[in-house]
Amino acid sequence: MLFSSSRTMLLTIDDPVIAPKGLVYSTAPRRAEGDNGRSYFIKGDNNETVFAEIAGCILADAVGLPVPAIALCQFDGDDVRRK
């Protein structure tokens, strides 16, 4: 299943993921832990980036490209960039 309609609450948002040498991550992804015990890569913390990431995954899946499962998550912290 590409997309789950349930919303996951994030318990933490950690430091940015460091890209391997020679690779550039365009959205400065971060790791996070959800209240469901799963780990996530957060690819954006504003509406524009979130929309672009989700739309890109849905379109890629529609044309048969391999895409990891995606989830819409929520974080109630006062600063999404704080550990």
PDB file of N, CA and C in Angstrom:
ATOM      1  N   MET A   1       0.852  -1.181   0.000  1.00  0.00           N
ATOM      2  CA  MET A   1       0.000   0.000   0.000  1.00  0.00           C
ATOM      3  C   MET A   1       0.891   1.235   0.000  1.00  0.00           C
ATOM      4  N   LEU A   2       0.698   2.102  -0.956  1.00  0.00           N
ATOM      5  CA  LEU A   2       1.519   3.303  -1.079  1.00  0.00           C
ATOM      6  C   LEU A   2       1.214   4.314   0.007  1.00  0.00           C
ATOM      7  N   PHE A   3      -0.070   4.512   0.304  1.00  0.00           N
ATOM      8  CA  PHE A   3      -0.456   5.604   1.203  1.00  0.00           C
ATOM      9  C   PHE A   3      -1.519   5.143   2.179  1.00  0.00           C
ATOM     10  N   SER A   4      -1.317   5.475   3.426  1.00  0.00           N
ATOM     11  CA  SER A   4      -2.310   5.178   4.452  1.00  0.00           C
ATOM     12  C   SER A   4      -3.023   6.473   4.825  1.00  0.00           C
ATOM     13  N   SER A   5      -4.339   6.424   4.919  1.00  0.00           N
ATOM     14  CA  SER A   5      -5.089   7.639   5.238  1.00  0.00           C
ATOM     15  C   SER A   5      -5.088   7.968   6.725  1.00  0.00           C
ATOM     16  N   SER A   6      -4.580   7.062   7.565  1.00  0.00           N
ATOM     17  CA  SER A   6      -4.524   7.370   8.990  1.00  0.00           C
ATOM     18  C   SER A   6      -3.354   8.313   9.253  1.00  0.00           C
ATOM     19  N   ARG A   7      -3.489   9.143  10.264  1.00  0.00           N
ATOM     20  CA  ARG A   7      -2.458  10.115  10.588  1.00  0.00           C
ATOM     21  C   ARG A   7      -1.666   9.626  11.788  1.00  0.00           C
ATOM     22  N   THR A   8      -0.364   9.718  11.696  1.00  0.00           N
ATOM     23  CA  THR A   8       0.521   9.297  12.771  1.00  0.00           C
ATOM     24  C   THR A   8       1.030  10.515  13.518  1.00  0.00           C
ATOM     25  N   MET A   9       0.991  10.459  14.833  1.00  0.00           N
ATOM     26  CA  MET A   9       1.576  11.516  15.656  1.00  0.00           C
ATOM     27  C   MET A   9       3.055  11.207  15.826  1.00  0.00           C
ATOM     28  N   LEU A  10       3.891  12.189  15.584  1.00  0.00           N
ATOM     29  CA  LEU A  10       5.320  12.021  15.784  1.00  0.00           C
ATOM     30  C   LEU A  10       5.691  12.397  17.214  1.00  0.00           C
ATOM     31  N   LEU A  11       6.523  11.567  17.814  1.00  0.00           N
ATOM     32  CA  LEU A  11       6.979  11.816  19.176  1.00  0.00           C
ATOM     33  C   LEU A  11       8.281  12.602  19.186  1.00  0.00           C
ATOM     34  N   THR A  12       9.118  12.380  18.172  1.00  0.00           N
ATOM     35  CA  THR A  12      10.394  13.087  18.064  1.00  0.00           C
ATOM     36  C   THR A  12      10.638  13.465  16.614  1.00  0.00           C
ATOM     37  N   ILE A  13      11.397  14.499  16.422  1.00  0.00           N
ATOM     38  CA  ILE A  13      11.973  14.813  15.122  1.00  0.00           C
ATOM     39  C   ILE A  13      13.441  15.072  15.401  1.00  0.00           C
ATOM     40  N   ASP A  14      14.291  14.221  14.831  1.00  0.00           N
ATOM     41  CA  ASP A  14      15.708  14.237  15.152  1.00  0.00           C
ATOM     42  C   ASP A  14      16.506  15.081  14.161  1.00  0.00           C
ATOM     43  N   ASP A  15      17.822  15.038  14.325  1.00  0.00           N
ATOM     44  CA  ASP A  15      18.735  15.792  13.469  1.00  0.00           C
ATOM     45  C   ASP A  15      18.604  15.370  12.008  1.00  0.00           C
ATOM     46  N   PRO A  16      19.043  16.235  11.089  1.00  0.00           N
ATOM     47  CA  PRO A  16      18.991  15.889   9.663  1.00  0.00           C
ATOM     48  C   PRO A  16      19.818  14.649   9.345  1.00  0.00           C
ATOM     49  N   VAL A  17      19.365  13.914   8.347  1.00  0.00           N
ATOM     50  CA  VAL A  17      20.082  12.740   7.857  1.00  0.00           C
ATOM     51  C   VAL A  17      21.225  13.243   6.972  1.00  0.00           C
ATOM     52  N   ILE A  18      22.419  12.730   7.196  1.00  0.00           N
ATOM     53  CA  ILE A  18      23.576  13.130   6.413  1.00  0.00           C
ATOM     54  C   ILE A  18      23.651  12.261   5.146  1.00  0.00           C
ATOM     55  N   ALA A  19      23.725  12.910   4.003  1.00  0.00           N
ATOM     56  CA  ALA A  19      23.783  12.191   2.726  1.00  0.00           C
ATOM     57  C   ALA A  19      25.155  11.554   2.534  1.00  0.00           C
ATOM     58  N   PRO A  20      25.194  10.380   1.903  1.00  0.00           N
ATOM     59  CA  PRO A  20      26.481   9.783   1.558  1.00  0.00           C
ATOM     60  C   PRO A  20      27.252  10.707   0.616  1.00  0.00           C
ATOM     61  N   LYS A  21      28.561  10.589   0.605  1.00  0.00           N
ATOM     62  CA  LYS A  21      29.402  11.430  -0.241  1.00  0.00           C
ATOM     63  C   LYS A  21      28.958  11.323  -1.702  1.00  0.00           C
ATOM     64  N   GLY A  22      28.808  12.474  -2.348  1.00  0.00           N
ATOM     65  CA  GLY A  22      28.413  12.511  -3.742  1.00  0.00           C
ATOM     66  C   GLY A  22      26.912  12.541  -3.979  1.00  0.00           C
ATOM     67  N   LEU A  23      26.101  12.449  -2.915  1.00  0.00           N
ATOM     68  CA  LEU A  23      24.648  12.460  -3.039  1.00  0.00           C
ATOM     69  C   LEU A  23      24.101  13.685  -2.313  1.00  0.00           C
ATOM     70  N   VAL A  24      23.121  14.341  -2.903  1.00  0.00           N
ATOM     71  CA  VAL A  24      22.523  15.534  -2.297  1.00  0.00           C
ATOM     72  C   VAL A  24      21.054  15.255  -2.017  1.00  0.00           C
ATOM     73  N   TYR A  25      20.619  15.498  -0.778  1.00  0.00           N
ATOM     74  CA  TYR A  25      19.204  15.393  -0.434  1.00  0.00           C
ATOM     75  C   TYR A  25      18.591  16.785  -0.570  1.00  0.00           C
ATOM     76  N   SER A  26      17.626  16.937  -1.447  1.00  0.00           N
ATOM     77  CA  SER A  26      17.076  18.260  -1.725  1.00  0.00           C
ATOM     78  C   SER A  26      16.183  18.799  -0.613  1.00  0.00           C
ATOM     79  N   THR A  27      15.647  17.947   0.227  1.00  0.00           N
ATOM     80  CA  THR A  27      14.705  18.423   1.240  1.00  0.00           C
ATOM     81  C   THR A  27      15.240  18.343   2.663  1.00  0.00           C
ATOM     82  N   ALA A  28      16.531  18.046   2.860  1.00  0.00           N
ATOM     83  CA  ALA A  28      17.124  17.941   4.194  1.00  0.00           C
ATOM     84  C   ALA A  28      16.273  17.042   5.100  1.00  0.00           C
ATOM     85  N   PRO A  29      16.095  15.775   4.731  1.00  0.00           N
ATOM     86  CA  PRO A  29      15.232  14.889   5.519  1.00  0.00           C
ATOM     87  C   PRO A  29      15.739  14.687   6.940  1.00  0.00           C
ATOM     88  N   ARG A  30      14.800  14.388   7.816  1.00  0.00           N
ATOM     89  CA  ARG A  30      15.099  14.115   9.229  1.00  0.00           C
ATOM     90  C   ARG A  30      14.480  12.778   9.594  1.00  0.00           C
ATOM     91  N   ARG A  31      15.033  12.137  10.589  1.00  0.00           N
ATOM     92  CA  ARG A  31      14.413  10.913  11.128  1.00  0.00           C
ATOM     93  C   ARG A  31      13.419  11.332  12.209  1.00  0.00           C
ATOM     94  N   ALA A  32      12.410  10.489  12.399  1.00  0.00           N
ATOM     95  CA  ALA A  32      11.405  10.761  13.431  1.00  0.00           C
ATOM     96  C   ALA A  32      10.853   9.431  13.931  1.00  0.00           C
ATOM     97  N   GLU A  33      10.309   9.461  15.136  1.00  0.00           N
ATOM     98  CA  GLU A  33       9.667   8.287  15.726  1.00  0.00           C
ATOM     99  C   GLU A  33       8.188   8.593  15.917  1.00  0.00           C
ATOM    100  N   GLY A  34       7.337   7.663  15.452  1.00  0.00           N
ATOM    101  CA  GLY A  34       5.893   7.842  15.564  1.00  0.00           C
ATOM    102  C   GLY A  34       5.328   7.163  16.799  1.00  0.00           C
ATOM    103  N   ASP A  35       4.127   7.560  17.168  1.00  0.00           N
ATOM    104  CA  ASP A  35       3.471   6.966  18.334  1.00  0.00           C
ATOM    105  C   ASP A  35       3.065   5.521  18.086  1.00  0.00           C
ATOM    106  N   ASN A  36       3.209   5.055  16.847  1.00  0.00           N
ATOM    107  CA  ASN A  36       2.905   3.672  16.515  1.00  0.00           C
ATOM    108  C   ASN A  36       4.149   2.778  16.566  1.00  0.00           C
ATOM    109  N   GLY A  37       5.275   3.331  17.034  1.00  0.00           N
ATOM    110  CA  GLY A  37       6.504   2.558  17.155  1.00  0.00           C
ATOM    111  C   GLY A  37       7.327   2.468  15.881  1.00  0.00           C
ATOM    112  N   ARG A  38       6.887   3.099  14.823  1.00  0.00           N
ATOM    113  CA  ARG A  38       7.609   3.052  13.553  1.00  0.00           C
ATOM    114  C   ARG A  38       8.523   4.262  13.406  1.00  0.00           C
ATOM    115  N   SER A  39       9.576   4.100  12.617  1.00  0.00           N
ATOM    116  CA  SER A  39      10.494   5.189  12.302  1.00  0.00           C
ATOM    117  C   SER A  39      10.123   5.779  10.945  1.00  0.00           C
ATOM    118  N   TYR A  40      10.318   7.072  10.797  1.00  0.00           N
ATOM    119  CA  TYR A  40       9.966   7.781   9.571  1.00  0.00           C
ATOM    120  C   TYR A  40      11.108   8.674   9.128  1.00  0.00           C
ATOM    121  N   PHE A  41      11.143   8.974   7.825  1.00  0.00           N
ATOM    122  CA  PHE A  41      11.979  10.025   7.281  1.00  0.00           C
ATOM    123  C   PHE A  41      11.046  11.179   6.973  1.00  0.00           C
ATOM    124  N   ILE A  42      11.276  12.314   7.587  1.00  0.00           N
ATOM    125  CA  ILE A  42      10.452  13.500   7.372  1.00  0.00           C
ATOM    126  C   ILE A  42      11.054  14.272   6.214  1.00  0.00           C
ATOM    127  N   LYS A  43      10.281  14.467   5.155  1.00  0.00           N
ATOM    128  CA  LYS A  43      10.798  15.093   3.943  1.00  0.00           C
ATOM    129  C   LYS A  43      10.384  16.547   3.804  1.00  0.00           C
ATOM    130  N   GLY A  44       9.621  17.069   4.747  1.00  0.00           N
ATOM    131  CA  GLY A  44       9.226  18.470   4.654  1.00  0.00           C
ATOM    132  C   GLY A  44       8.405  18.878   5.852  1.00  0.00           C
ATOM    133  N   ASP A  45       8.497  20.153   6.193  1.00  0.00           N
ATOM    134  CA  ASP A  45       7.723  20.645   7.330  1.00  0.00           C
ATOM    135  C   ASP A  45       6.885  21.865   6.951  1.00  0.00           C
ATOM    136  N   ASN A  46       6.657  22.046   5.644  1.00  0.00           N
ATOM    137  CA  ASN A  46       5.746  23.108   5.208  1.00  0.00           C
ATOM    138  C   ASN A  46       4.811  22.517   4.150  1.00  0.00           C
ATOM    139  N   ASN A  47       3.695  23.156   3.952  1.00  0.00           N
ATOM    140  CA  ASN A  47       2.663  22.607   3.065  1.00  0.00           C
ATOM    141  C   ASN A  47       3.155  22.375   1.641  1.00  0.00           C
ATOM    142  N   GLU A  48       3.964  23.284   1.119  1.00  0.00           N
ATOM    143  CA  GLU A  48       4.434  23.158  -0.260  1.00  0.00           C
ATOM    144  C   GLU A  48       5.301  21.916  -0.440  1.00  0.00           C
ATOM    145  N   THR A  49       6.245  21.696   0.469  1.00  0.00           N
ATOM    146  CA  THR A  49       7.134  20.546   0.357  1.00  0.00           C
ATOM    147  C   THR A  49       6.378  19.249   0.579  1.00  0.00           C
ATOM    148  N   VAL A  50       5.497  19.223   1.569  1.00  0.00           N
ATOM    149  CA  VAL A  50       4.708  18.027   1.848  1.00  0.00           C
ATOM    150  C   VAL A  50       3.854  17.667   0.630  1.00  0.00           C
ATOM    151  N   PHE A  51       3.186  18.652   0.043  1.00  0.00           N
ATOM    152  CA  PHE A  51       2.376  18.388  -1.144  1.00  0.00           C
ATOM    153  C   PHE A  51       3.230  17.844  -2.288  1.00  0.00           C
ATOM    154  N   ALA A  52       4.372  18.485  -2.542  1.00  0.00           N
ATOM    155  CA  ALA A  52       5.240  18.052  -3.641  1.00  0.00           C
ATOM    156  C   ALA A  52       5.733  16.622  -3.434  1.00  0.00           C
ATOM    157  N   GLU A  53       6.115  16.268  -2.218  1.00  0.00           N
ATOM    158  CA  GLU A  53       6.605  14.919  -1.932  1.00  0.00           C
ATOM    159  C   GLU A  53       5.505  13.877  -2.114  1.00  0.00           C
ATOM    160  N   ILE A  54       4.316  14.147  -1.570  1.00  0.00           N
ATOM    161  CA  ILE A  54       3.214  13.191  -1.681  1.00  0.00           C
ATOM    162  C   ILE A  54       2.754  13.071  -3.136  1.00  0.00           C
ATOM    163  N   ALA A  55       2.599  14.202  -3.826  1.00  0.00           N
ATOM    164  CA  ALA A  55       2.166  14.163  -5.227  1.00  0.00           C
ATOM    165  C   ALA A  55       3.189  13.421  -6.079  1.00  0.00           C
ATOM    166  N   GLY A  56       4.475  13.674  -5.845  1.00  0.00           N
ATOM    167  CA  GLY A  56       5.513  12.982  -6.604  1.00  0.00           C
ATOM    168  C   GLY A  56       5.459  11.481  -6.411  1.00  0.00           C
ATOM    169  N   CYS A  57       5.256  11.043  -5.183  1.00  0.00           N
ATOM    170  CA  CYS A  57       5.166   9.599  -4.909  1.00  0.00           C
ATOM    171  C   CYS A  57       3.937   8.983  -5.571  1.00  0.00           C
ATOM    172  N   ILE A  58       2.813   9.659  -5.492  1.00  0.00           N
ATOM    173  CA  ILE A  58       1.587   9.132  -6.094  1.00  0.00           C
ATOM    174  C   ILE A  58       1.728   9.045  -7.614  1.00  0.00           C
ATOM    175  N   LEU A  59       2.294  10.071  -8.230  1.00  0.00           N
ATOM    176  CA  LEU A  59       2.482  10.056  -9.686  1.00  0.00           C
ATOM    177  C   LEU A  59       3.487   8.987 -10.106  1.00  0.00           C
ATOM    178  N   ALA A  60       4.586   8.856  -9.373  1.00  0.00           N
ATOM    179  CA  ALA A  60       5.582   7.833  -9.694  1.00  0.00           C
ATOM    180  C   ALA A  60       4.961   6.441  -9.592  1.00  0.00           C
ATOM    181  N   ASP A  61       4.175   6.209  -8.550  1.00  0.00           N
ATOM    182  CA  ASP A  61       3.508   4.922  -8.382  1.00  0.00           C
ATOM    183  C   ASP A  61       2.526   4.657  -9.528  1.00  0.00           C
ATOM    184  N   ALA A  62       1.841   5.705  -9.974  1.00  0.00           N
ATOM    185  CA  ALA A  62       0.843   5.553 -11.034  1.00  0.00           C
ATOM    186  C   ALA A  62       1.467   5.106 -12.359  1.00  0.00           C
ATOM    187  N   VAL A  63       2.736   5.453 -12.573  1.00  0.00           N
ATOM    188  CA  VAL A  63       3.386   5.041 -13.833  1.00  0.00           C
ATOM    189  C   VAL A  63       4.290   3.824 -13.630  1.00  0.00           C
ATOM    190  N   GLY A  64       4.191   3.207 -12.451  1.00  0.00           N
ATOM    191  CA  GLY A  64       4.886   1.953 -12.221  1.00  0.00           C
ATOM    192  C   GLY A  64       6.298   2.054 -11.671  1.00  0.00           C
ATOM    193  N   LEU A  65       6.727   3.230 -11.235  1.00  0.00           N
ATOM    194  CA  LEU A  65       8.046   3.355 -10.633  1.00  0.00           C
ATOM    195  C   LEU A  65       8.009   2.872  -9.193  1.00  0.00           C
ATOM    196  N   PRO A  66       9.075   2.249  -8.709  1.00  0.00           N
ATOM    197  CA  PRO A  66       9.081   1.799  -7.314  1.00  0.00           C
ATOM    198  C   PRO A  66       9.139   2.998  -6.369  1.00  0.00           C
ATOM    199  N   VAL A  67       8.234   3.003  -5.410  1.00  0.00           N
ATOM    200  CA  VAL A  67       8.123   4.113  -4.459  1.00  0.00           C
ATOM    201  C   VAL A  67       7.931   3.530  -3.067  1.00  0.00           C
ATOM    202  N   PRO A  68       8.643   4.047  -2.074  1.00  0.00           N
ATOM    203  CA  PRO A  68       8.408   3.560  -0.716  1.00  0.00           C
ATOM    204  C   PRO A  68       7.032   4.016  -0.212  1.00  0.00           C
ATOM    205  N   ALA A  69       6.511   3.313   0.770  1.00  0.00           N
ATOM    206  CA  ALA A  69       5.232   3.702   1.373  1.00  0.00           C
ATOM    207  C   ALA A  69       5.369   5.098   1.969  1.00  0.00           C
ATOM    208  N   ILE A  70       4.309   5.878   1.892  1.00  0.00           N
ATOM    209  CA  ILE A  70       4.315   7.231   2.445  1.00  0.00           C
ATOM    210  C   ILE A  70       3.239   7.356   3.512  1.00  0.00           C
ATOM    211  N   ALA A  71       3.427   8.303   4.415  1.00  0.00           N
ATOM    212  CA  ALA A  71       2.454   8.543   5.477  1.00  0.00           C
ATOM    213  C   ALA A  71       2.384  10.035   5.760  1.00  0.00           C
ATOM    214  N   LEU A  72       1.230  10.502   6.105  1.00  0.00           N
ATOM    215  CA  LEU A  72       1.048  11.877   6.530  1.00  0.00           C
ATOM    216  C   LEU A  72       1.134  11.884   8.053  1.00  0.00           C
ATOM    217  N   CYS A  73       2.077  12.635   8.588  1.00  0.00           N
ATOM    218  CA  CYS A  73       2.318  12.646  10.032  1.00  0.00           C
ATOM    219  C   CYS A  73       2.073  14.026  10.604  1.00  0.00           C
ATOM    220  N   GLN A  74       1.869  14.074  11.903  1.00  0.00           N
ATOM    221  CA  GLN A  74       1.631  15.334  12.602  1.00  0.00           C
ATOM    222  C   GLN A  74       2.566  15.409  13.799  1.00  0.00           C
ATOM    223  N   PHE A  75       3.083  16.603  14.054  1.00  0.00           N
ATOM    224  CA  PHE A  75       3.948  16.840  15.206  1.00  0.00           C
ATOM    225  C   PHE A  75       3.411  18.031  15.957  1.00  0.00           C
ATOM    226  N   ASP A  76       3.140  17.866  17.258  1.00  0.00           N
ATOM    227  CA  ASP A  76       2.569  18.955  18.040  1.00  0.00           C
ATOM    228  C   ASP A  76       3.599  19.764  18.807  1.00  0.00           C
ATOM    229  N   GLY A  77       4.882  19.515  18.563  1.00  0.00           N
ATOM    230  CA  GLY A  77       5.930  20.292  19.223  1.00  0.00           C
ATOM    231  C   GLY A  77       5.905  21.724  18.746  1.00  0.00           C
ATOM    232  N   ASP A  78       6.526  22.610  19.512  1.00  0.00           N
ATOM    233  CA  ASP A  78       6.504  24.016  19.132  1.00  0.00           C
ATOM    234  C   ASP A  78       7.555  24.350  18.082  1.00  0.00           C
ATOM    235  N   ASP A  79       8.483  23.442  17.834  1.00  0.00           N
ATOM    236  CA  ASP A  79       9.515  23.669  16.827  1.00  0.00           C
ATOM    237  C   ASP A  79       9.876  22.339  16.170  1.00  0.00           C
ATOM    238  N   VAL A  80       9.491  22.136  14.926  1.00  0.00           N
ATOM    239  CA  VAL A  80       9.713  20.854  14.266  1.00  0.00           C
ATOM    240  C   VAL A  80      11.186  20.576  14.015  1.00  0.00           C
ATOM    241  N   ARG A  81      12.050  21.534  14.209  1.00  0.00           N
ATOM    242  CA  ARG A  81      13.478  21.325  13.990  1.00  0.00           C
ATOM    243  C   ARG A  81      14.206  20.993  15.293  1.00  0.00           C
ATOM    244  N   ARG A  82      13.489  20.893  16.387  1.00  0.00           N
ATOM    245  CA  ARG A  82      14.126  20.588  17.668  1.00  0.00           C
ATOM    246  C   ARG A  82      14.067  19.084  17.938  1.00  0.00           C
ATOM    247  N   LYS A  83      15.108  18.571  18.530  1.00  0.00           N
ATOM    248  CA  LYS A  83      15.187  17.152  18.853  1.00  0.00           C
ATOM    249  C   LYS A  83      14.264  16.826  20.003  1.00  0.00           C
TER     250      LYS A  83
END
